[in-house]
N, C-alpha and C. Protein backbone atom coordinates (compact mmCIF):
# COMPACT_ATOMS: atom_id res chain seq x y z
N MET A 1 -59.76 -16.27 73.59
CA MET A 1 -60.17 -16.45 72.25
C MET A 1 -59.53 -18.49 72.31
N GLY A 2 -61.35 -18.72 72.25
CA GLY A 2 -60.86 -20.53 71.93
C GLY A 2 -61.13 -20.46 71.04
N GLY A 3 -60.74 -20.48 70.01
CA GLY A 3 -60.47 -21.45 68.66
C GLY A 3 -59.40 -20.25 67.52
N TRP A 4 -59.06 -20.95 66.92
CA TRP A 4 -57.88 -20.04 65.59
C TRP A 4 -58.71 -19.03 65.03
N VAL A 5 -58.12 -18.02 64.57
CA VAL A 5 -58.38 -16.61 64.25
C VAL A 5 -58.58 -16.50 62.47
N HIS A 6 -59.99 -16.25 61.81
CA HIS A 6 -60.36 -15.81 60.90
C HIS A 6 -59.76 -14.61 60.12
N ASP A 7 -59.61 -13.71 60.52
CA ASP A 7 -58.75 -12.55 59.85
C ASP A 7 -59.09 -11.26 61.24
N VAL A 8 -58.14 -10.66 60.66
CA VAL A 8 -57.37 -9.95 61.24
C VAL A 8 -57.86 -8.06 60.42
N ALA A 9 -57.49 -6.68 61.20
CA ALA A 9 -57.62 -5.75 60.68
C ALA A 9 -56.50 -5.19 61.80
N TRP A 10 -56.80 -3.62 60.90
CA TRP A 10 -56.00 -2.14 62.04
C TRP A 10 -57.30 -1.40 61.49
N SER A 11 -57.20 -0.71 62.47
CA SER A 11 -58.11 0.87 62.63
C SER A 11 -57.29 1.47 61.82
N PRO A 12 -58.22 2.98 61.13
CA PRO A 12 -57.36 3.72 59.93
C PRO A 12 -56.27 4.10 61.18
N SER A 13 -56.27 4.81 61.75
CA SER A 13 -55.49 4.95 62.72
C SER A 13 -54.13 3.95 63.10
N GLY A 14 -54.22 2.80 63.35
CA GLY A 14 -53.68 1.68 63.55
C GLY A 14 -53.07 1.42 64.92
N ASP A 15 -53.99 2.42 65.80
CA ASP A 15 -54.16 2.24 67.40
C ASP A 15 -55.51 0.50 67.63
N THR A 16 -55.61 0.29 67.04
CA THR A 16 -57.12 -1.05 66.94
C THR A 16 -56.85 -1.72 66.38
N LEU A 17 -56.59 -3.39 67.32
CA LEU A 17 -57.10 -4.52 66.41
C LEU A 17 -57.15 -4.96 66.74
N GLY A 18 -58.29 -5.17 64.95
CA GLY A 18 -59.77 -6.43 66.06
C GLY A 18 -59.39 -7.76 64.94
N TYR A 19 -60.12 -8.55 65.65
CA TYR A 19 -60.20 -10.08 64.66
C TYR A 19 -61.23 -11.24 65.35
N VAL A 20 -62.11 -11.51 64.42
CA VAL A 20 -63.14 -12.21 64.19
C VAL A 20 -62.03 -14.15 64.77
N ALA A 21 -62.76 -14.81 65.87
CA ALA A 21 -61.86 -16.33 64.86
C ALA A 21 -63.11 -16.87 65.15
N HIS A 22 -62.62 -18.59 65.40
CA HIS A 22 -63.72 -19.17 64.84
C HIS A 22 -64.45 -19.66 66.34
N ASP A 23 -64.63 -19.48 67.30
CA ASP A 23 -65.19 -19.34 68.32
C ASP A 23 -66.15 -18.25 68.97
N SER A 24 -66.60 -17.60 67.22
CA SER A 24 -67.77 -16.54 66.81
C SER A 24 -67.88 -14.98 67.91
N THR A 25 -66.39 -15.08 67.85
CA THR A 25 -66.18 -14.05 68.76
C THR A 25 -65.35 -12.98 67.98
N ILE A 26 -65.80 -11.77 68.46
CA ILE A 26 -65.40 -10.73 67.49
C ILE A 26 -64.60 -9.91 68.85
N GLY A 27 -63.28 -9.71 68.63
CA GLY A 27 -62.26 -8.72 69.55
C GLY A 27 -61.28 -7.57 68.99
N PHE A 28 -61.29 -6.64 70.65
CA PHE A 28 -60.63 -5.55 70.09
C PHE A 28 -59.32 -5.42 70.69
N VAL A 29 -57.98 -4.95 70.79
CA VAL A 29 -57.04 -4.52 71.26
C VAL A 29 -56.16 -3.39 71.50
N ASP A 30 -56.89 -2.15 72.02
CA ASP A 30 -56.49 -1.29 71.78
C ASP A 30 -54.75 -0.68 72.15
N VAL A 31 -54.32 -0.61 71.40
CA VAL A 31 -52.73 -0.63 71.25
C VAL A 31 -51.44 0.02 72.29
N ASN A 32 -52.49 1.13 72.50
CA ASN A 32 -51.99 1.75 73.18
C ASN A 32 -52.22 1.32 74.89
N GLU A 33 -53.33 1.16 75.16
CA GLU A 33 -53.71 0.84 76.06
C GLU A 33 -53.32 -1.41 76.73
N ALA A 34 -53.06 -1.13 75.98
CA ALA A 34 -52.23 -2.80 75.73
C ALA A 34 -50.24 -3.04 76.18
N ILE A 35 -50.24 -1.33 75.75
CA ILE A 35 -48.54 -1.00 76.03
C ILE A 35 -48.61 -0.66 77.50
N SER A 36 -49.88 0.65 77.83
CA SER A 36 -49.65 0.87 78.99
C SER A 36 -50.02 0.45 79.95
N ASN A 37 -50.74 -0.32 80.12
CA ASN A 37 -51.59 -1.46 81.18
C ASN A 37 -51.16 -2.74 80.63
N LYS A 38 -49.97 -3.37 81.62
CA LYS A 38 -49.77 -4.83 80.38
C LYS A 38 -50.96 -5.78 81.17
N GLU A 39 -51.37 -5.39 82.67
CA GLU A 39 -52.76 -6.29 82.88
C GLU A 39 -53.95 -6.36 82.29
N SER A 40 -54.68 -5.23 82.17
CA SER A 40 -55.66 -5.95 81.43
C SER A 40 -55.49 -5.93 79.90
N GLY A 41 -54.31 -5.22 79.73
CA GLY A 41 -54.27 -5.03 77.39
C GLY A 41 -55.00 -4.86 76.97
N GLY A 42 -55.83 -4.11 77.00
CA GLY A 42 -57.03 -3.18 76.25
C GLY A 42 -57.54 -3.51 75.27
N HIS A 43 -57.36 -5.10 76.00
CA HIS A 43 -58.89 -6.29 74.78
C HIS A 43 -60.46 -6.60 75.74
N GLN A 44 -60.61 -6.23 74.48
CA GLN A 44 -62.47 -6.24 75.09
C GLN A 44 -63.33 -7.09 73.28
N LYS A 45 -63.64 -8.44 74.14
CA LYS A 45 -64.28 -9.10 72.93
C LYS A 45 -65.38 -9.36 73.19
N VAL A 46 -66.21 -9.85 72.03
CA VAL A 46 -67.86 -10.51 72.08
C VAL A 46 -67.89 -11.32 71.83
N ALA A 47 -68.81 -12.13 72.95
CA ALA A 47 -68.59 -13.35 72.14
C ALA A 47 -69.94 -13.57 71.32
N LEU A 48 -70.43 -13.94 70.32
CA LEU A 48 -71.42 -14.26 69.08
C LEU A 48 -72.59 -15.72 69.23
N SER A 49 -73.68 -15.04 69.07
CA SER A 49 -74.74 -16.88 69.00
C SER A 49 -74.77 -17.44 67.61
N CYS A 50 -74.63 -16.81 67.21
CA CYS A 50 -74.13 -16.71 65.54
C CYS A 50 -73.44 -17.45 65.03
N LEU A 51 -73.48 -18.14 63.55
CA LEU A 51 -72.17 -18.61 62.97
C LEU A 51 -70.65 -16.98 62.75
N PRO A 52 -69.36 -18.03 63.31
CA PRO A 52 -68.91 -17.62 62.99
C PRO A 52 -68.75 -16.10 61.88
N TYR A 53 -67.86 -15.15 62.33
CA TYR A 53 -67.43 -14.25 60.84
C TYR A 53 -66.07 -14.96 60.68
N LYS A 54 -66.11 -14.61 58.83
CA LYS A 54 -65.01 -14.87 58.31
C LYS A 54 -64.04 -13.70 57.91
N THR A 55 -64.99 -12.32 58.01
CA THR A 55 -63.59 -11.21 58.01
C THR A 55 -64.84 -10.05 58.74
N LEU A 56 -63.70 -9.45 58.56
CA LEU A 56 -63.70 -7.83 59.50
C LEU A 56 -63.07 -6.53 58.83
N ILE A 57 -64.37 -5.58 58.98
CA ILE A 57 -63.48 -4.56 57.77
C ILE A 57 -64.13 -3.71 58.50
N PHE A 58 -62.98 -2.48 59.31
CA PHE A 58 -63.30 -1.40 59.95
C PHE A 58 -63.38 -0.24 58.57
N VAL A 59 -64.88 0.70 59.25
CA VAL A 59 -65.25 1.11 58.07
C VAL A 59 -64.77 2.97 58.20
N ASP A 60 -64.74 2.97 59.49
CA ASP A 60 -63.49 4.09 60.26
C ASP A 60 -62.88 3.75 61.80
N GLU A 61 -62.65 4.52 62.59
CA GLU A 61 -62.40 4.50 63.81
C GLU A 61 -63.52 3.69 64.55
N ASN A 62 -64.24 3.95 64.26
CA ASN A 62 -65.40 3.61 65.54
C ASN A 62 -66.73 2.81 65.16
N THR A 63 -66.50 1.83 63.83
CA THR A 63 -67.27 1.44 63.52
C THR A 63 -66.49 0.51 62.70
N VAL A 64 -67.27 -1.30 62.75
CA VAL A 64 -66.43 -2.36 61.74
C VAL A 64 -67.64 -3.40 60.44
N ILE A 65 -67.82 -3.67 60.01
CA ILE A 65 -68.03 -4.89 59.26
C ILE A 65 -67.11 -6.28 59.70
N GLY A 66 -68.97 -7.48 60.05
CA GLY A 66 -68.24 -8.70 60.31
C GLY A 66 -69.03 -9.53 59.45
N LYS A 67 -68.41 -10.24 58.81
CA LYS A 67 -69.49 -10.94 57.51
C LYS A 67 -69.05 -12.64 56.73
N PHE A 68 -70.06 -13.33 57.38
CA PHE A 68 -70.02 -14.23 57.22
C PHE A 68 -71.20 -14.40 55.99
N LEU A 69 -72.57 -15.49 56.30
CA LEU A 69 -73.00 -15.04 54.89
C LEU A 69 -74.04 -14.10 55.01
N ILE A 70 -73.94 -13.28 55.97
CA ILE A 70 -74.43 -11.78 56.31
C ILE A 70 -73.31 -10.60 56.82
N SER A 71 -73.82 -9.51 56.82
CA SER A 71 -72.84 -8.48 56.88
C SER A 71 -73.28 -7.67 58.56
N LEU A 72 -72.96 -7.81 59.09
CA LEU A 72 -73.26 -6.74 60.25
C LEU A 72 -72.57 -6.13 61.17
N PHE A 73 -72.88 -4.77 61.66
CA PHE A 73 -72.64 -3.59 61.44
C PHE A 73 -71.93 -3.63 63.37
N PHE A 74 -71.09 -2.79 63.43
CA PHE A 74 -70.82 -2.63 64.85
C PHE A 74 -70.09 -1.50 65.08
N GLY A 75 -70.48 -0.90 66.53
CA GLY A 75 -70.19 0.24 66.78
C GLY A 75 -69.03 0.43 68.55
N LEU A 76 -67.80 1.38 68.12
CA LEU A 76 -67.20 0.55 69.26
C LEU A 76 -67.12 2.34 69.59
N ASN A 77 -67.00 1.88 71.42
CA ASN A 77 -67.57 3.41 71.69
C ASN A 77 -65.62 3.17 73.07
């Protein structure tokens, strides 16, 4: 991360922690992967070219909504 975090949210199962940061990234940490593989940490992030999102909401295990002035849906694999 290159900026402060605006919001964090847990997936419904509690297995994934998502965050939106001021540097226009949306990131996800797979908690089980982070525990079992300390080198990679189970961390993935996406850098966006738009304004940073302020809110992150998990709809289900594989779908999140990031919101600033508009809402954007993301599918997780």
